[in-house]
C-alpha atoms as a PDB file:
ATOM      1  CA  MET A   1      77.416  -8.332 -47.904  1.00  0.00           C
ATOM      2  CA  ALA A   2      74.011  -6.849 -47.026  1.00  0.00           C
ATOM      3  CA  GLY A   3      71.954  -4.694 -49.448  1.00  0.00           C
ATOM      4  CA  ASN A   4      72.763  -1.542 -47.471  1.00  0.00           C
ATOM      5  CA  ASP A   5      76.514  -2.197 -47.603  1.00  0.00           C
ATOM      6  CA  ILE A   6      76.696  -1.309 -51.318  1.00  0.00           C
ATOM      7  CA  PRO A   7      79.068   1.622 -51.815  1.00  0.00           C
ATOM      8  CA  PRO A   8      77.210   4.897 -52.654  1.00  0.00           C
ATOM      9  CA  LEU A   9      78.782   5.206 -56.090  1.00  0.00           C
ATOM     10  CA  ARG A  10      77.724   1.691 -57.034  1.00  0.00           C
ATOM     11  CA  ARG A  11      74.216   2.261 -55.595  1.00  0.00           C
ATOM     12  CA  ASN A  12      73.761   5.445 -57.672  1.00  0.00           C
ATOM     13  CA  GLU A  13      74.868   3.615 -60.795  1.00  0.00           C
ATOM     14  CA  LEU A  14      72.442   0.757 -60.128  1.00  0.00           C
ATOM     15  CA  GLU A  15      69.565   3.183 -59.503  1.00  0.00           C
ATOM     16  CA  ARG A  16      70.407   5.030 -62.699  1.00  0.00           C
ATOM     17  CA  LEU A  17      70.535   1.850 -64.789  1.00  0.00           C
ATOM     18  CA  SER A  18      67.306   0.597 -63.198  1.00  0.00           C
ATOM     19  CA  ALA A  19      65.583   3.870 -64.080  1.00  0.00           C
ATOM     20  CA  VAL A  20      66.804   3.650 -67.683  1.00  0.00           C
ATOM     21  CA  GLU A  21      65.488   0.093 -67.975  1.00  0.00           C
ATOM     22  CA  THR A  22      62.129   1.268 -66.613  1.00  0.00           C
ATOM     23  CA  LEU A  23      61.982   3.997 -69.274  1.00  0.00           C
ATOM     24  CA  LYS A  24      62.793   1.429 -71.955  1.00  0.00           C
ATOM     25  CA  GLY A  25      59.622  -0.417 -70.928  1.00  0.00           C
ATOM     26  CA  LEU A  26      57.357   2.507 -71.876  1.00  0.00           C
ATOM     27  CA  SER A  27      54.877   1.485 -74.558  1.00  0.00           C
ATOM     28  CA  ASN A  28      55.177   4.712 -76.604  1.00  0.00           C
ATOM     29  CA  PRO A  29      58.290   6.618 -75.488  1.00  0.00           C
ATOM     30  CA  GLY A  30      57.865   9.124 -78.318  1.00  0.00           C
ATOM     31  CA  ASP A  31      54.436  10.199 -77.037  1.00  0.00           C
ATOM     32  CA  VAL A  32      55.571  10.856 -73.461  1.00  0.00           C
ATOM     33  CA  LYS A  33      55.948  14.525 -72.552  1.00  0.00           C
ATOM     34  CA  LEU A  34      58.770  15.419 -70.202  1.00  0.00           C
ATOM     35  CA  GLY A  35      56.563  17.502 -67.870  1.00  0.00           C
ATOM     36  CA  GLU A  36      54.055  14.665 -67.504  1.00  0.00           C
ATOM     37  CA  LEU A  37      56.821  12.151 -66.810  1.00  0.00           C
ATOM     38  CA  VAL A  38      58.422  14.344 -64.142  1.00  0.00           C
ATOM     39  CA  GLY A  39      55.030  14.956 -62.485  1.00  0.00           C
ATOM     40  CA  PHE A  40      54.251  11.227 -62.517  1.00  0.00           C
ATOM     41  CA  LEU A  41      57.625  10.356 -60.978  1.00  0.00           C
ATOM     42  CA  GLU A  42      57.450  13.084 -58.320  1.00  0.00           C
ATOM     43  CA  ALA A  43      53.964  11.974 -57.272  1.00  0.00           C
ATOM     44  CA  ARG A  44      55.343   8.494 -56.578  1.00  0.00           C
ATOM     45  CA  ASP A  45      58.620   9.660 -54.955  1.00  0.00           C
ATOM     46  CA  LEU A  46      60.632   8.140 -57.802  1.00  0.00           C
ATOM     47  CA  TRP A  47      62.128  11.382 -59.083  1.00  0.00           C
ATOM     48  CA  THR A  48      65.355  11.021 -57.048  1.00  0.00           C
ATOM     49  CA  GLN A  49      66.048   7.719 -58.777  1.00  0.00           C
ATOM     50  CA  PHE A  50      65.202   8.978 -62.265  1.00  0.00           C
ATOM     51  CA  SER A  51      66.995  12.299 -61.877  1.00  0.00           C
ATOM     52  CA  LYS A  52      70.315  10.445 -61.994  1.00  0.00           C
ATOM     53  CA  ILE A  53      69.808   9.541 -65.664  1.00  0.00           C
ATOM     54  CA  THR A  54      72.198  11.349 -67.954  1.00  0.00           C
ATOM     55  CA  LEU A  55      71.695  12.435 -71.546  1.00  0.00           C
ATOM     56  CA  GLY A  56      74.275   9.829 -72.542  1.00  0.00           C
ATOM     57  CA  ASP A  57      72.147   7.129 -70.882  1.00  0.00           C
ATOM     58  CA  LEU A  58      69.118   8.207 -72.907  1.00  0.00           C
ATOM     59  CA  ARG A  59      71.131   8.221 -76.145  1.00  0.00           C
ATOM     60  CA  ASP A  60      72.408   4.719 -75.415  1.00  0.00           C
ATOM     61  CA  ALA A  61      68.993   3.403 -74.390  1.00  0.00           C
ATOM     62  CA  PHE A  62      66.871   4.905 -77.152  1.00  0.00           C
ATOM     63  CA  GLY A  63      69.390   5.174 -79.969  1.00  0.00           C
ATOM     64  CA  LEU A  64      69.309   8.964 -80.040  1.00  0.00           C
ATOM     65  CA  GLU A  65      72.312  10.197 -81.927  1.00  0.00           C
ATOM     66  CA  PRO A  66      73.740  13.625 -81.265  1.00  0.00           C
ATOM     67  CA  GLU A  67      73.029  16.156 -83.981  1.00  0.00           C
ATOM     68  CA  PRO A  68      75.981  16.361 -86.326  1.00  0.00           C
ATOM     69  CA  GLU A  69      77.737  19.685 -86.266  1.00  0.00           C
ATOM     70  CA  PRO A  70      77.081  21.568 -89.480  1.00  0.00           C
ATOM     71  CA  GLU A  71      80.036  21.959 -91.785  1.00  0.00           C
ATOM     72  CA  LEU A  72      81.511  25.401 -91.666  1.00  0.00           C
ATOM     73  CA  ASP A  73      80.961  27.031 -95.018  1.00  0.00           C
ATOM     74  CA  THR A  74      82.994  29.798 -96.429  1.00  0.00           C
ATOM     75  CA  PRO A  75      80.847  32.762 -97.473  1.00  0.00           C
ATOM     76  CA  LYS A  76      81.279  31.776-101.107  1.00  0.00           C
ATOM     77  CA  LYS A  77      80.151  28.178-100.463  1.00  0.00           C
ATOM     78  CA  ARG A  78      77.209  29.396 -98.394  1.00  0.00           C
ATOM     79  CA  LYS A  79      76.055  31.732-101.210  1.00  0.00           C
ATOM     80  CA  ARG A  80      76.466  28.939-103.723  1.00  0.00           C
ATOM     81  CA  ARG A  81      74.465  26.499-101.588  1.00  0.00           C
ATOM     82  CA  ILE A  82      71.633  29.007-101.028  1.00  0.00           C
ATOM     83  CA  LEU A  83      71.439  29.892-104.714  1.00  0.00           C
ATOM     84  CA  GLN A  84      71.612  26.245-105.707  1.00  0.00           C
ATOM     85  CA  GLU A  85      68.695  25.398-103.424  1.00  0.00           C
ATOM     86  CA  ALA A  86      66.711  28.367-104.721  1.00  0.00           C
ATOM     87  CA  LEU A  87      67.339  27.454-108.355  1.00  0.00           C
ATOM     88  CA  GLY A  88      66.219  23.876-108.176  1.00  0.00           C
ATOM     89  CA  GLY A  89      67.550  21.962-105.239  1.00  0.00           C
ATOM     90  CA  PRO A  90      70.721  20.061-104.574  1.00  0.00           C
ATOM     91  CA  GLU A  91      69.897  17.070-106.768  1.00  0.00           C
ATOM     92  CA  GLU A  92      72.368  16.086-109.467  1.00  0.00           C
ATOM     93  CA  GLN A  93      71.685  14.477-112.801  1.00  0.00           C
ATOM     94  CA  ALA A  94      72.527  10.812-113.359  1.00  0.00           C
ATOM     95  CA  ASP A  95      75.776  11.672-115.147  1.00  0.00           C
ATOM     96  CA  GLY A  96      76.998  13.710-112.161  1.00  0.00           C
ATOM     97  CA  HIS A  97      76.405  16.967-114.047  1.00  0.00           C
ATOM     98  CA  ASP A  98      74.733  19.596-111.907  1.00  0.00           C
ATOM     99  CA  GLU A  99      73.167  22.486-113.799  1.00  0.00           C
ATOM    100  CA  GLY A 100      71.936  24.176-110.634  1.00  0.00           C
ATOM    101  CA  ALA A 101      75.471  24.376-109.279  1.00  0.00           C
ATOM    102  CA  GLU A 102      76.744  25.852-112.545  1.00  0.00           C
ATOM    103  CA  MET A 103      74.013  28.495-112.562  1.00  0.00           C
ATOM    104  CA  ALA A 104      74.730  29.284-108.923  1.00  0.00           C
ATOM    105  CA  ASP A 105      78.446  29.668-109.721  1.00  0.00           C
ATOM    106  CA  GLU A 106      77.675  32.099-112.532  1.00  0.00           C
ATOM    107  CA  ILE A 107      75.379  34.182-110.336  1.00  0.00           C
ATOM    108  CA  VAL A 108      77.909  34.238-107.473  1.00  0.00           C
ATOM    109  CA  LYS A 109      80.562  35.499-109.876  1.00  0.00           C
ATOM    110  CA  LYS A 110      78.251  38.307-111.013  1.00  0.00           C
ATOM    111  CA  ILE A 111      77.445  39.516-107.491  1.00  0.00           C
ATOM    112  CA  PRO A 112      79.594  42.572-106.885  1.00  0.00           C
ATOM    113  CA  LYS A 113      81.798  42.411-103.823  1.00  0.00           C
ATOM    114  CA  ALA A 114      81.709  45.236-101.332  1.00  0.00           C
ATOM    115  CA  PRO A 115      84.395  47.710-102.302  1.00  0.00           C
ATOM    116  CA  ALA A 116      87.459  47.676-100.073  1.00  0.00           C
ATOM    117  CA  ASP A 117      87.241  51.464 -99.883  1.00  0.00           C
ATOM    118  CA  GLY A 118      83.701  51.408 -98.489  1.00  0.00           C
ATOM    119  CA  GLY A 119      82.478  53.519-101.393  1.00  0.00           C
ATOM    120  CA  LEU A 120      84.451  56.542-100.196  1.00  0.00           C
ATOM    121  CA  GLU A 121      87.206  58.423-101.941  1.00  0.00           C
ATOM    122  CA  THR A 122      90.554  58.421-100.173  1.00  0.00           C
ATOM    123  CA  ASP A 123      90.625  62.229-100.414  1.00  0.00           C
ATOM    124  CA  GLU A 124      87.384  62.412 -98.399  1.00  0.00           C
ATOM    125  CA  VAL A 125      88.814  60.147 -95.733  1.00  0.00           C
ATOM    126  CA  GLY A 126      92.086  62.092 -95.814  1.00  0.00           C
ATOM    127  CA  ARG A 127      90.224  65.345 -95.141  1.00  0.00           C
ATOM    128  CA  MET A 128      88.826  63.796 -91.953  1.00  0.00           C
ATOM    129  CA  VAL A 129      91.825  61.777 -90.794  1.00  0.00           C
ATOM    130  CA  VAL A 130      94.897  63.903 -91.541  1.00  0.00           C
ATOM    131  CA  PRO A 131      93.826  66.903 -89.391  1.00  0.00           C
ATOM    132  CA  PHE A 132      92.898  64.512 -86.575  1.00  0.00           C
ATOM    133  CA  VAL A 133      96.322  62.861 -86.711  1.00  0.00           C
ATOM    134  CA  GLU A 134      98.105  66.234 -86.927  1.00  0.00           C
ATOM    135  CA  GLY A 135      96.174  67.561 -83.932  1.00  0.00           C
ATOM    136  CA  ASN A 136      96.572  64.481 -81.735  1.00  0.00           C
ATOM    137  CA  GLY A 137     100.072  63.308 -82.582  1.00  0.00           C
ATOM    138  CA  ASP A 138     100.600  59.553 -82.677  1.00  0.00           C
ATOM    139  CA  VAL A 139      97.290  57.695 -82.921  1.00  0.00           C
ATOM    140  CA  THR A 140      96.249  54.070 -83.444  1.00  0.00           C
ATOM    141  CA  LEU A 141      93.746  52.623 -85.864  1.00  0.00           C
ATOM    142  CA  ASP A 142      91.290  52.281 -82.974  1.00  0.00           C
ATOM    143  CA  ASP A 143      91.591  56.000 -82.181  1.00  0.00           C
ATOM    144  CA  ILE A 144      90.910  56.937 -85.796  1.00  0.00           C
ATOM    145  CA  ALA A 145      88.038  54.455 -86.057  1.00  0.00           C
ATOM    146  CA  GLU A 146      86.456  55.900 -82.926  1.00  0.00           C
ATOM    147  CA  TYR A 147      86.821  59.436 -84.259  1.00  0.00           C
ATOM    148  CA  THR A 148      85.550  58.763 -87.792  1.00  0.00           C
ATOM    149  CA  ARG A 149      83.058  56.007 -86.879  1.00  0.00           C
ATOM    150  CA  MET A 150      84.143  54.123 -89.991  1.00  0.00           C
ATOM    151  CA  ASP A 151      84.507  50.391 -90.431  1.00  0.00           C
ATOM    152  CA  ARG A 152      88.007  49.276 -89.427  1.00  0.00           C
ATOM    153  CA  LYS A 153      88.532  47.313 -92.630  1.00  0.00           C
ATOM    154  CA  VAL A 154      87.632  50.291 -94.823  1.00  0.00           C
ATOM    155  CA  LEU A 155      89.700  52.609 -92.676  1.00  0.00           C
ATOM    156  CA  ARG A 156      92.702  50.278 -92.901  1.00  0.00           C
ATOM    157  CA  HIS A 157      92.436  50.421 -96.704  1.00  0.00           C
ATOM    158  CA  HIS A 158      92.363  54.223 -96.814  1.00  0.00           C
ATOM    159  CA  LEU A 159      95.154  54.607 -94.240  1.00  0.00           C
ATOM    160  CA  GLY A 160      97.324  52.338 -96.381  1.00  0.00           C
ATOM    161  CA  VAL A 161      96.674  54.517 -99.419  1.00  0.00           C
ATOM    162  CA  LEU A 162      97.384  57.704 -97.420  1.00  0.00           C
ATOM    163  CA  CYS A 163     100.675  56.207 -96.223  1.00  0.00           C
ATOM    164  CA  LYS A 164     101.648  55.252 -99.785  1.00  0.00           C
ATOM    165  CA  GLU A 165     100.846  58.791-100.949  1.00  0.00           C
ATOM    166  CA  GLY A 166     103.107  60.141 -98.193  1.00  0.00           C
ATOM    167  CA  ARG A 167     100.377  62.049 -96.361  1.00  0.00           C
ATOM    168  CA  LEU A 168     100.668  59.856 -93.236  1.00  0.00           C
ATOM    169  CA  GLU A 169     103.409  57.748 -91.731  1.00  0.00           C
ATOM    170  CA  ARG A 170     102.832  54.349 -90.188  1.00  0.00           C
ATOM    171  CA  ILE A 171     105.145  53.213 -87.414  1.00  0.00           C
ATOM    172  CA  GLY A 172     104.981  49.491 -86.706  1.00  0.00           C
ATOM    173  CA  VAL A 173     102.727  46.852 -88.168  1.00  0.00           C
ATOM    174  CA  GLY A 174      99.547  45.052 -87.282  1.00  0.00           C
ATOM    175  CA  ARG A 175      97.304  45.871 -84.379  1.00  0.00           C
ATOM    176  CA  HIS A 176      99.813  48.087 -82.590  1.00  0.00           C
ATOM    177  CA  ALA A 177     100.709  50.288 -85.562  1.00  0.00           C
ATOM    178  CA  ILE A 178     100.793  54.008 -84.855  1.00  0.00           C
ATOM    179  CA  TYR A 179      99.956  56.642 -87.431  1.00  0.00           C
ATOM    180  CA  SER A 180     101.536  60.063 -87.358  1.00  0.00           C
ATOM    181  CA  ALA A 181     101.567  63.134 -89.562  1.00  0.00           C
ATOM    182  CA  VAL A 182     104.398  63.576 -92.034  1.00  0.00           C
ATOM    183  CA  VAL A 183     106.463  66.636 -91.097  1.00  0.00           C
END
């Protein structure tokens, strides 16, 4: 079998592996800038061979490990971690007791949560919403949110209270619930 009879897939793989081995031979791979390397390779018509190298090849050749994905924190854990770092770092004492974490827990407990009502009285919201619902018939939460320009979560709270008080009627549940005026 002659050198030109190598199947194209096999030839590309050999060129790629040869290019990786060439990069391994660099004296200081950490000091090489990508732009300089590309310019050097293009000037010598070697770029086509080296352009076949994949990121996986570079990881395998140089021991680069992918960055670990950060753990998803709940908002409470994130606040605790930030406060803990601000109060003295994440280090624990030899007995496993962590004063910084305890202080962070106490501070997190003292931080007031945003009120579910958005700081508004239900009567205020009712004065805006009830006439809108009476004038427009059956409306959805999105319609009311667009009209009042209030946060959906806050609005959902107040609409629930208005329904419990009997000032509005909710038909259905969830996203497709319709609010109508009580006759």
